[in-house]
Amino acid sequence: MTTASTTHLVLIPSYNPGAKVDDTVRQARRFWNPVWVVVDGSTDGSTARLQAMAAADSGLRVIVLPENRGKGSAVLEGLQAAQAAGFTHVLTMDSDGQHPADRIPEFMAVSARNPGCMVLGKPVFDAAAPQLRVKGREISNWWANLETLWMGIGDSLFGFRVYPAAPLEKIMRRQRWMRRFDFDPEAVVRLAWAGVRPINLPAPVRYFRADEGGVSHFRYFRDNRLLTWMHTRLFIGFVLRLPMLLGRKLAAGRRAS
């Protein structure tokens, strides 16, 4: 059953996703209306297929960027358009079929009950998940939790999540980072600094082999270098914000007691 909303939409940034994007969009539309796709300068022929799907489906919108700008830039483009259309929240998901479309209604319902929070997917990996990446993300998660003084970020890298649109756009407009692979972890850290509380929900993730149509743009050394630089600048920001974060944590402790 498809759930329709005038406040929450599904936003799918897409760059050369291969054939998997067709099923990803169909599955997202099965569970939610509306669904928007931001094509980030794809050159694999997927743009024409998505536009044809949108022409036959009023619940699907396709925004095409003329060149590849990075995931964060694609999300920002969608955020701006979403707010102009009156939407307040976006659920982001990858275009390659790894994220669980059937969990969209649950994540959106939790967001609707907690509009000031971000709802973060905490990945449940299957046996096909590359162990190097599974173990590597633990490092990024540790840094993200340190940088937020353990506000409760379950996973900093998993892109299946619901953001309140206005605070995220405000943060992105204030600085030039968060435009590429560094978007997902930096977004949750900076939102946490801004007082947006995380809510974590488990979500299965599936990795597809190349013979199953899987496409990965992750480059181990390039992207880990980008993450290292990102956590370096976030740690500096954490040190500068430490008095504020400590004060907030102490106040929360007093309220809880």
Protein backbone atom coordinates (compact mmCIF):
# COMPACT_ATOMS: atom_id res chain seq x y z
CA MET A 1 0.00 0.00 0.00
CA THR A 2 1.39 3.39 -1.00
CA THR A 3 1.40 6.14 1.64
CA ALA A 4 0.96 9.70 0.37
CA SER A 5 2.33 12.76 2.17
CA THR A 6 2.43 16.52 1.73
CA THR A 7 5.29 16.96 4.22
CA HIS A 8 7.65 14.01 3.70
CA LEU A 9 9.14 12.84 0.42
CA VAL A 10 11.64 10.22 -0.67
CA LEU A 11 14.75 11.72 -2.27
CA ILE A 12 17.08 9.49 -4.30
CA PRO A 13 20.41 10.94 -5.48
CA SER A 14 21.58 8.92 -8.48
CA TYR A 15 24.87 8.72 -10.35
CA ASN A 16 25.47 5.99 -12.97
CA PRO A 17 23.51 3.42 -10.97
CA GLY A 18 22.98 0.90 -13.77
CA ALA A 19 19.74 -1.01 -14.18
CA LYS A 20 19.19 -1.33 -10.41
CA VAL A 21 17.80 2.20 -10.23
CA ASP A 22 14.67 1.16 -12.12
CA ASP A 23 13.69 -1.36 -9.46
CA THR A 24 14.80 0.97 -6.66
CA VAL A 25 12.43 3.67 -7.86
CA ARG A 26 9.58 1.23 -8.48
CA GLN A 27 9.96 -0.19 -4.97
CA ALA A 28 10.11 3.28 -3.40
CA ARG A 29 6.96 4.28 -5.29
CA ARG A 30 5.27 1.10 -4.12
CA PHE A 31 5.56 2.33 -0.54
CA TRP A 32 5.59 6.14 -0.81
CA ASN A 33 4.25 9.14 -2.72
CA PRO A 34 6.01 11.30 -3.77
CA VAL A 35 9.43 10.05 -4.80
CA TRP A 36 11.99 12.39 -6.35
CA VAL A 37 15.20 11.37 -8.09
CA VAL A 38 18.10 13.79 -8.56
CA VAL A 39 20.22 12.56 -11.47
CA ASP A 40 23.76 13.71 -10.71
CA GLY A 41 25.17 13.96 -14.23
CA SER A 42 24.71 10.26 -15.06
CA THR A 43 26.10 9.04 -18.38
CA ASP A 44 24.90 5.41 -18.26
CA GLY A 45 21.54 5.87 -19.99
CA SER A 46 19.54 5.78 -16.74
CA THR A 47 18.37 9.39 -17.13
CA ALA A 48 16.16 8.65 -20.12
CA ARG A 49 14.62 5.61 -18.43
CA LEU A 50 13.85 7.58 -15.28
CA GLN A 51 12.32 10.43 -17.27
CA ALA A 52 10.12 7.94 -19.12
CA MET A 53 8.99 6.48 -15.78
CA ALA A 54 8.20 9.97 -14.47
CA ALA A 55 6.20 10.84 -17.57
CA ALA A 56 3.88 7.95 -16.76
CA ASP A 57 3.78 8.48 -12.98
CA SER A 58 2.56 11.69 -11.34
CA GLY A 59 4.10 10.62 -8.03
CA LEU A 60 7.62 10.54 -9.48
CA ARG A 61 9.73 13.59 -10.28
CA VAL A 62 13.18 13.55 -11.88
CA ILE A 63 15.61 16.46 -11.48
CA VAL A 64 18.60 16.31 -13.83
CA LEU A 65 21.92 18.01 -13.04
CA PRO A 66 24.05 18.74 -16.12
CA GLU A 67 27.27 17.35 -14.61
CA ASN A 68 28.38 15.17 -11.73
CA ARG A 69 28.64 17.30 -8.59
CA GLY A 70 28.63 14.66 -5.82
CA LYS A 71 26.03 13.09 -3.56
CA GLY A 72 25.82 16.01 -1.16
CA SER A 73 25.28 18.49 -3.98
CA ALA A 74 22.51 16.31 -5.41
CA VAL A 75 20.81 16.10 -2.02
CA LEU A 76 21.09 19.87 -1.57
CA GLU A 77 19.47 20.41 -4.97
CA GLY A 78 16.61 18.16 -3.90
CA LEU A 79 16.31 19.82 -0.50
CA GLN A 80 15.92 23.25 -2.04
CA ALA A 81 13.30 22.06 -4.50
CA ALA A 82 11.46 20.11 -1.79
CA GLN A 83 11.17 23.10 0.50
CA ALA A 84 10.04 25.30 -2.37
CA ALA A 85 7.24 22.78 -2.91
CA GLY A 86 6.25 22.87 0.78
CA PHE A 87 7.90 19.67 2.05
CA THR A 88 9.54 19.71 5.47
CA HIS A 89 11.38 16.35 5.55
CA VAL A 90 13.21 14.11 3.11
CA LEU A 91 14.12 10.46 3.35
CA THR A 92 17.31 9.83 1.42
CA MET A 93 18.13 6.43 -0.04
CA ASP A 94 20.70 5.16 -2.51
CA SER A 95 19.75 4.36 -6.08
CA ASP A 96 21.58 1.03 -6.28
CA GLY A 97 19.02 -1.16 -4.53
CA GLN A 98 20.96 -1.65 -1.29
CA HIS A 99 18.47 0.16 0.93
CA PRO A 100 15.17 -1.38 2.15
CA ALA A 101 12.25 0.41 0.48
CA ASP A 102 9.77 -1.52 2.62
CA ARG A 103 11.06 0.36 5.69
CA ILE A 104 10.17 3.77 4.23
CA PRO A 105 6.71 3.99 5.92
CA GLU A 106 8.16 3.09 9.33
CA PHE A 107 10.94 5.69 9.10
CA MET A 108 8.51 8.35 7.88
CA ALA A 109 6.04 7.59 10.68
CA VAL A 110 8.74 7.95 13.33
CA SER A 111 9.83 11.23 11.74
CA ALA A 112 6.26 12.54 11.69
CA ARG A 113 5.99 11.83 15.43
CA ASN A 114 9.37 13.45 16.07
CA PRO A 115 9.66 16.24 13.47
CA GLY A 116 12.62 17.92 15.15
CA CYS A 117 14.75 14.76 15.00
CA MET A 118 16.73 12.95 12.31
CA VAL A 119 15.82 9.28 11.87
CA LEU A 120 18.95 7.29 11.09
CA GLY A 121 19.10 3.82 9.64
CA LYS A 122 21.42 1.46 11.49
CA PRO A 123 22.51 -1.15 8.93
CA VAL A 124 21.97 -4.85 9.45
CA PHE A 125 24.51 -6.53 7.16
CA ASP A 126 24.10 -9.83 5.38
CA ALA A 127 26.87 -12.30 4.61
CA ALA A 128 27.62 -10.63 1.27
CA ALA A 129 28.75 -7.37 2.87
CA PRO A 130 32.47 -6.65 2.22
CA GLN A 131 34.15 -7.09 5.59
CA LEU A 132 36.75 -4.42 4.84
CA ARG A 133 34.02 -1.84 4.52
CA VAL A 134 32.03 -3.17 7.48
CA LYS A 135 35.05 -2.94 9.77
CA GLY A 136 36.22 0.34 8.26
CA ARG A 137 32.93 2.09 9.02
CA GLU A 138 33.38 1.31 12.71
CA ILE A 139 36.26 3.80 12.74
CA SER A 140 34.14 6.54 11.19
CA ASN A 141 31.30 5.77 13.61
CA TRP A 142 33.63 6.06 16.61
CA TRP A 143 34.88 9.45 15.44
CA ALA A 144 31.35 10.71 14.74
CA ASN A 145 30.25 9.76 18.25
CA LEU A 146 33.31 11.40 19.81
CA GLU A 147 32.71 14.57 17.77
CA THR A 148 29.13 14.76 19.07
CA LEU A 149 30.03 13.74 22.64
CA TRP A 150 28.09 10.52 22.24
CA MET A 151 24.71 11.99 21.36
CA GLY A 152 23.74 8.57 19.97
CA ILE A 153 24.64 8.28 16.30
CA GLY A 154 24.11 4.60 15.53
CA ASP A 155 25.79 4.70 12.12
CA SER A 156 27.36 7.74 10.49
CA LEU A 157 27.68 6.38 6.94
CA PHE A 158 24.38 4.64 6.19
CA GLY A 159 22.47 6.90 3.81
CA PHE A 160 18.96 5.55 4.51
CA ARG A 161 17.63 8.25 6.84
CA VAL A 162 15.08 11.03 7.28
CA TYR A 163 16.31 14.61 7.62
CA PRO A 164 14.40 17.71 8.67
CA ALA A 165 15.01 19.75 5.53
CA ALA A 166 15.35 23.30 6.86
CA PRO A 167 18.20 22.77 9.37
CA LEU A 168 20.12 20.57 6.95
CA GLU A 169 19.90 23.10 4.14
CA LYS A 170 20.92 25.91 6.52
CA ILE A 171 24.02 23.95 7.60
CA MET A 172 25.01 23.12 4.03
CA ARG A 173 24.62 26.70 2.85
CA ARG A 174 26.94 27.95 5.62
CA GLN A 175 29.98 26.00 4.41
CA ARG A 176 31.37 24.38 1.27
CA TRP A 177 31.90 20.85 2.58
CA MET A 178 29.45 17.91 2.54
CA ARG A 179 29.18 17.91 -1.23
CA ARG A 180 30.53 14.44 -2.10
CA PHE A 181 31.11 11.13 -0.31
CA ASP A 182 31.64 13.05 2.94
CA PHE A 183 27.98 14.13 2.98
CA ASP A 184 26.39 11.40 5.12
CA PRO A 185 28.73 11.44 8.16
CA GLU A 186 29.25 15.19 8.17
CA ALA A 187 25.51 15.83 7.94
CA VAL A 188 24.72 13.85 11.10
CA VAL A 189 27.58 15.39 13.08
CA ARG A 190 26.70 18.96 12.15
CA LEU A 191 22.99 18.37 12.71
CA ALA A 192 23.78 16.94 16.14
CA TRP A 193 25.83 20.06 16.91
CA ALA A 194 22.77 22.10 15.92
CA GLY A 195 20.66 20.20 18.48
CA VAL A 196 18.88 17.82 16.08
CA ARG A 197 18.52 14.61 18.08
CA PRO A 198 19.18 11.27 16.34
CA ILE A 199 16.73 8.37 16.47
CA ASN A 200 18.18 5.05 15.30
CA LEU A 201 16.19 2.30 13.59
CA PRO A 202 17.58 -0.99 12.26
CA ALA A 203 17.49 -1.44 8.50
CA PRO A 204 18.82 -4.37 6.44
CA VAL A 205 21.33 -3.52 3.73
CA ARG A 206 22.09 -5.72 0.74
CA TYR A 207 25.28 -5.70 -1.31
CA PHE A 208 24.95 -6.88 -4.90
CA ARG A 209 27.73 -8.55 -6.85
CA ALA A 210 28.66 -7.16 -10.27
CA ASP A 211 26.94 -10.14 -11.95
CA GLU A 212 23.77 -9.22 -10.03
CA GLY A 213 23.84 -5.68 -11.38
CA GLY A 214 25.64 -4.17 -8.41
CA VAL A 215 27.47 -0.89 -9.03
CA SER A 216 29.84 0.70 -6.51
CA HIS A 217 31.51 4.09 -6.83
CA PHE A 218 33.41 3.62 -3.57
CA ARG A 219 37.17 3.93 -3.99
CA TYR A 220 38.96 2.71 -0.89
CA PHE A 221 41.99 5.02 -0.78
CA ARG A 222 40.36 8.08 -2.36
CA ASP A 223 37.26 7.99 -0.18
CA ASN A 224 39.05 7.08 3.04
CA ARG A 225 41.40 10.02 2.44
CA LEU A 226 38.32 12.23 2.06
CA LEU A 227 36.87 10.83 5.30
CA THR A 228 40.16 11.40 7.14
CA TRP A 229 40.21 15.06 6.12
CA MET A 230 36.53 15.36 7.04
CA HIS A 231 37.05 13.98 10.55
CA THR A 232 40.10 16.21 11.00
CA ARG A 233 38.06 19.36 10.43
CA LEU A 234 35.12 17.97 12.44
CA PHE A 235 37.40 17.24 15.38
CA ILE A 236 38.61 20.84 15.30
CA GLY A 237 34.97 21.93 15.26
CA PHE A 238 34.25 19.56 18.16
CA VAL A 239 37.03 21.06 20.27
CA LEU A 240 35.69 24.56 19.63
CA ARG A 241 32.17 23.44 20.56
CA LEU A 242 33.16 21.29 23.55
CA PRO A 243 31.94 23.74 26.23
CA MET A 244 28.55 23.97 24.52
CA LEU A 245 28.28 20.19 24.09
CA LEU A 246 29.26 19.56 27.71
CA GLY A 247 26.72 22.10 28.91
CA ARG A 248 24.00 20.51 26.81
CA LYS A 249 24.89 17.02 28.08
CA LEU A 250 24.88 18.14 31.73
CA ALA A 251 21.52 19.89 31.27
CA ALA A 252 20.07 16.73 29.69
CA GLY A 253 21.35 14.69 32.63
CA ARG A 254 19.71 17.03 35.13
CA ARG A 255 16.39 16.84 33.26
CA ALA A 256 16.57 13.04 33.19
CA SER A 257 17.14 12.89 36.94
